[in-house]
Amino acid sequence: MGPGLATLIHARAVGINVKKNTQMYVNLKQINQKSQYHSRRKKSHEYKQSQYFLLKRVSNRPLLQESLYSCQPSSSCEDHSYGIKN
């Protein structure tokens, strides 16, 4: 049960009848879908790995090899060296 469904249950307990074609029902359904998406995302291996790297400030060389934040210059940096004058 997500926050949208919980709000819907509380509204019905108070006496507010929310029909399926109203804007309130649509918004609560979107809130529920968004919370489910974030819940699934936080359980994924990729999310946990990226959070580990961010918290520990360590790098995974295969992941960061073609990253913009890599320490070693890549071929794309050499192609686009606009600020460097010889």
N, C-alpha and C. Protein backbone atom coordinates (compact mmCIF):
# COMPACT_ATOMS: atom_id res chain seq x y z
N MET A 1 0.85 -1.17 0.00
CA MET A 1 0.00 0.00 0.00
C MET A 1 0.90 1.24 0.00
N GLY A 2 0.64 2.12 -0.93
CA GLY A 2 1.43 3.33 -1.05
C GLY A 2 0.73 4.52 -0.42
N PRO A 3 1.36 5.68 -0.48
CA PRO A 3 0.78 6.88 0.14
C PRO A 3 -0.51 7.33 -0.53
N GLY A 4 -0.65 7.10 -1.83
CA GLY A 4 -1.88 7.49 -2.52
C GLY A 4 -3.06 6.65 -2.08
N LEU A 5 -2.85 5.35 -1.97
CA LEU A 5 -3.92 4.46 -1.54
C LEU A 5 -4.28 4.69 -0.08
N ALA A 6 -3.27 4.98 0.74
CA ALA A 6 -3.53 5.26 2.16
C ALA A 6 -4.37 6.52 2.31
N THR A 7 -4.07 7.55 1.52
CA THR A 7 -4.86 8.78 1.57
C THR A 7 -6.28 8.52 1.12
N LEU A 8 -6.45 7.69 0.12
CA LEU A 8 -7.78 7.34 -0.36
C LEU A 8 -8.59 6.60 0.71
N ILE A 9 -7.94 5.71 1.43
CA ILE A 9 -8.62 4.97 2.50
C ILE A 9 -9.02 5.91 3.63
N HIS A 10 -8.12 6.84 3.99
CA HIS A 10 -8.44 7.81 5.03
C HIS A 10 -9.58 8.73 4.60
N ALA A 11 -9.60 9.12 3.35
CA ALA A 11 -10.66 9.99 2.85
C ALA A 11 -12.01 9.29 2.91
N ARG A 12 -12.03 8.02 2.55
CA ARG A 12 -13.29 7.26 2.62
C ARG A 12 -13.73 7.03 4.07
N ALA A 13 -12.77 6.89 4.99
CA ALA A 13 -13.11 6.71 6.40
C ALA A 13 -13.73 7.97 6.98
N VAL A 14 -13.27 9.13 6.50
CA VAL A 14 -13.80 10.40 6.98
C VAL A 14 -15.17 10.67 6.36
N GLY A 15 -15.42 10.12 5.19
CA GLY A 15 -16.71 10.31 4.56
C GLY A 15 -16.63 10.97 3.20
N ILE A 16 -15.44 11.16 2.67
CA ILE A 16 -15.26 11.75 1.35
C ILE A 16 -15.32 10.63 0.33
N ASN A 17 -16.31 10.70 -0.55
CA ASN A 17 -16.45 9.67 -1.58
C ASN A 17 -15.69 10.12 -2.82
N VAL A 18 -14.59 9.45 -3.12
CA VAL A 18 -13.75 9.79 -4.26
C VAL A 18 -14.06 8.83 -5.40
N LYS A 19 -14.59 9.38 -6.50
CA LYS A 19 -14.91 8.56 -7.65
C LYS A 19 -13.68 8.42 -8.54
N LYS A 20 -13.68 7.38 -9.39
CA LYS A 20 -12.50 7.06 -10.18
C LYS A 20 -12.22 8.06 -11.30
N ASN A 21 -13.18 8.86 -11.68
CA ASN A 21 -12.95 9.80 -12.76
C ASN A 21 -12.66 11.23 -12.26
N THR A 22 -12.42 11.40 -10.97
CA THR A 22 -12.13 12.73 -10.44
C THR A 22 -10.63 13.01 -10.47
N GLN A 23 -10.29 14.30 -10.39
CA GLN A 23 -8.89 14.71 -10.42
C GLN A 23 -8.15 14.23 -9.16
N MET A 24 -8.83 14.19 -8.03
CA MET A 24 -8.20 13.73 -6.78
C MET A 24 -7.76 12.27 -6.91
N TYR A 25 -8.62 11.44 -7.49
CA TYR A 25 -8.29 10.03 -7.65
C TYR A 25 -7.11 9.86 -8.59
N VAL A 26 -7.08 10.62 -9.68
CA VAL A 26 -5.99 10.53 -10.65
C VAL A 26 -4.67 10.95 -10.00
N ASN A 27 -4.70 12.04 -9.22
CA ASN A 27 -3.49 12.51 -8.55
C ASN A 27 -2.99 11.50 -7.51
N LEU A 28 -3.89 10.91 -6.75
CA LEU A 28 -3.49 9.91 -5.76
C LEU A 28 -2.92 8.67 -6.44
N LYS A 29 -3.48 8.31 -7.59
CA LYS A 29 -2.96 7.17 -8.34
C LYS A 29 -1.55 7.46 -8.86
N GLN A 30 -1.30 8.70 -9.31
CA GLN A 30 0.04 9.07 -9.77
C GLN A 30 1.05 9.07 -8.62
N ILE A 31 0.62 9.53 -7.45
CA ILE A 31 1.49 9.52 -6.28
C ILE A 31 1.86 8.09 -5.93
N ASN A 32 0.90 7.20 -6.01
CA ASN A 32 1.14 5.78 -5.71
C ASN A 32 2.11 5.17 -6.72
N GLN A 33 1.93 5.47 -8.01
CA GLN A 33 2.81 4.92 -9.04
C GLN A 33 4.23 5.45 -8.88
N LYS A 34 4.36 6.74 -8.53
CA LYS A 34 5.68 7.32 -8.35
C LYS A 34 6.40 6.70 -7.16
N SER A 35 5.70 6.46 -6.08
CA SER A 35 6.34 5.85 -4.92
C SER A 35 6.74 4.40 -5.20
N GLN A 36 5.94 3.68 -5.99
CA GLN A 36 6.30 2.32 -6.36
C GLN A 36 7.54 2.31 -7.26
N TYR A 37 7.63 3.28 -8.17
CA TYR A 37 8.79 3.38 -9.05
C TYR A 37 10.06 3.61 -8.24
N HIS A 38 10.00 4.57 -7.30
CA HIS A 38 11.18 4.87 -6.49
C HIS A 38 11.55 3.69 -5.60
N SER A 39 10.55 2.98 -5.11
CA SER A 39 10.82 1.81 -4.27
C SER A 39 11.53 0.74 -5.07
N ARG A 40 11.06 0.47 -6.31
CA ARG A 40 11.73 -0.53 -7.15
C ARG A 40 13.13 -0.07 -7.53
N ARG A 41 13.29 1.22 -7.81
CA ARG A 41 14.58 1.74 -8.22
C ARG A 41 15.61 1.62 -7.10
N LYS A 42 15.19 1.89 -5.88
CA LYS A 42 16.11 1.82 -4.75
C LYS A 42 16.51 0.38 -4.42
N LYS A 43 15.74 -0.58 -4.88
CA LYS A 43 16.08 -1.98 -4.64
C LYS A 43 17.00 -2.55 -5.72
N SER A 44 17.23 -1.80 -6.80
CA SER A 44 18.03 -2.32 -7.91
C SER A 44 19.52 -2.33 -7.56
N HIS A 45 20.24 -3.21 -8.22
CA HIS A 45 21.67 -3.36 -7.99
C HIS A 45 22.43 -2.12 -8.47
N GLU A 46 22.02 -1.55 -9.59
CA GLU A 46 22.71 -0.38 -10.15
C GLU A 46 22.62 0.81 -9.19
N TYR A 47 21.44 1.02 -8.60
CA TYR A 47 21.25 2.13 -7.67
C TYR A 47 22.12 1.94 -6.43
N LYS A 48 22.12 0.72 -5.89
CA LYS A 48 22.91 0.46 -4.69
C LYS A 48 24.41 0.62 -4.96
N GLN A 49 24.84 0.22 -6.14
CA GLN A 49 26.25 0.34 -6.49
C GLN A 49 26.63 1.81 -6.65
N SER A 50 25.80 2.59 -7.31
CA SER A 50 26.12 4.02 -7.47
C SER A 50 26.11 4.74 -6.14
N GLN A 51 25.18 4.39 -5.26
CA GLN A 51 25.16 5.01 -3.93
C GLN A 51 26.40 4.64 -3.12
N TYR A 52 26.86 3.41 -3.27
CA TYR A 52 28.07 2.98 -2.57
C TYR A 52 29.26 3.81 -3.05
N PHE A 53 29.38 4.00 -4.35
CA PHE A 53 30.49 4.78 -4.89
C PHE A 53 30.41 6.23 -4.45
N LEU A 54 29.21 6.78 -4.40
CA LEU A 54 29.06 8.17 -3.98
C LEU A 54 29.37 8.36 -2.50
N LEU A 55 28.92 7.43 -1.67
CA LEU A 55 29.14 7.56 -0.23
C LEU A 55 30.58 7.28 0.17
N LYS A 56 31.19 6.29 -0.45
CA LYS A 56 32.56 5.92 -0.09
C LYS A 56 33.59 6.72 -0.88
N ARG A 57 33.14 7.43 -1.91
CA ARG A 57 34.01 8.20 -2.79
C ARG A 57 35.11 7.34 -3.40
N VAL A 58 34.71 6.17 -3.83
CA VAL A 58 35.62 5.28 -4.54
C VAL A 58 35.13 5.19 -5.97
N SER A 59 35.99 4.74 -6.85
CA SER A 59 35.59 4.66 -8.24
C SER A 59 35.75 3.25 -8.75
N ASN A 60 34.90 2.90 -9.67
CA ASN A 60 34.97 1.63 -10.36
C ASN A 60 35.53 1.93 -11.74
N ARG A 61 36.74 1.49 -12.02
CA ARG A 61 37.42 1.86 -13.27
C ARG A 61 36.62 1.52 -14.53
N PRO A 62 36.02 0.34 -14.63
CA PRO A 62 35.24 0.09 -15.85
C PRO A 62 34.04 1.03 -16.00
N LEU A 63 33.42 1.40 -14.89
CA LEU A 63 32.28 2.30 -14.98
C LEU A 63 32.70 3.71 -15.34
N LEU A 64 33.81 4.17 -14.80
CA LEU A 64 34.22 5.55 -14.97
C LEU A 64 35.22 5.75 -16.10
N GLN A 65 35.51 4.71 -16.87
CA GLN A 65 36.53 4.81 -17.91
C GLN A 65 36.15 5.83 -18.98
N GLU A 66 34.91 5.82 -19.40
CA GLU A 66 34.46 6.77 -20.42
C GLU A 66 33.65 7.91 -19.81
N SER A 67 33.77 8.10 -18.53
CA SER A 67 33.05 9.16 -17.85
C SER A 67 33.72 10.51 -18.08
N LEU A 68 32.96 11.58 -17.93
CA LEU A 68 33.53 12.92 -18.04
C LEU A 68 34.45 13.23 -16.87
N TYR A 69 34.30 12.49 -15.77
CA TYR A 69 35.07 12.77 -14.57
C TYR A 69 36.29 11.88 -14.43
N SER A 70 36.66 11.17 -15.47
CA SER A 70 37.82 10.29 -15.39
C SER A 70 39.10 11.12 -15.35
N CYS A 71 40.12 10.58 -14.72
CA CYS A 71 41.39 11.29 -14.56
C CYS A 71 42.22 11.24 -15.83
N GLN A 72 42.11 10.17 -16.57
CA GLN A 72 42.92 10.02 -17.77
C GLN A 72 42.20 10.65 -18.96
N PRO A 73 42.93 11.34 -19.81
CA PRO A 73 42.26 11.95 -20.97
C PRO A 73 41.80 10.88 -21.96
N SER A 74 40.61 11.06 -22.47
CA SER A 74 40.09 10.11 -23.45
C SER A 74 40.23 10.72 -24.84
N SER A 75 39.87 9.94 -25.83
CA SER A 75 40.00 10.42 -27.21
C SER A 75 39.05 11.58 -27.48
N SER A 76 37.91 11.62 -26.79
CA SER A 76 36.95 12.70 -27.02
C SER A 76 37.50 14.04 -26.52
N CYS A 77 38.36 14.03 -25.49
CA CYS A 77 38.96 15.26 -25.00
C CYS A 77 39.95 15.82 -26.02
N GLU A 78 40.66 14.95 -26.69
CA GLU A 78 41.63 15.40 -27.68
C GLU A 78 40.95 15.97 -28.91
N ASP A 79 39.82 15.43 -29.27
CA ASP A 79 39.11 15.91 -30.44
C ASP A 79 38.54 17.31 -30.22
N HIS A 80 38.15 17.60 -28.99
CA HIS A 80 37.47 18.85 -28.70
C HIS A 80 38.29 19.71 -27.73
N SER A 81 39.46 20.06 -28.11
CA SER A 81 40.30 20.89 -27.25
C SER A 81 40.24 22.34 -27.75
N TYR A 82 39.12 22.99 -27.54
CA TYR A 82 38.91 24.33 -28.06
C TYR A 82 39.70 25.38 -27.29
N GLY A 83 39.86 25.18 -26.00
CA GLY A 83 40.52 26.18 -25.18
C GLY A 83 42.03 26.11 -25.21
N ILE A 84 42.60 25.06 -25.75
CA ILE A 84 44.05 24.88 -25.74
C ILE A 84 44.63 25.46 -27.02
N LYS A 85 45.58 26.40 -26.84
CA LYS A 85 46.26 27.00 -28.00
C LYS A 85 47.71 26.56 -28.00
N ASN A 86 48.19 26.17 -29.14
CA ASN A 86 49.57 25.72 -29.26
C ASN A 86 50.48 26.86 -29.67
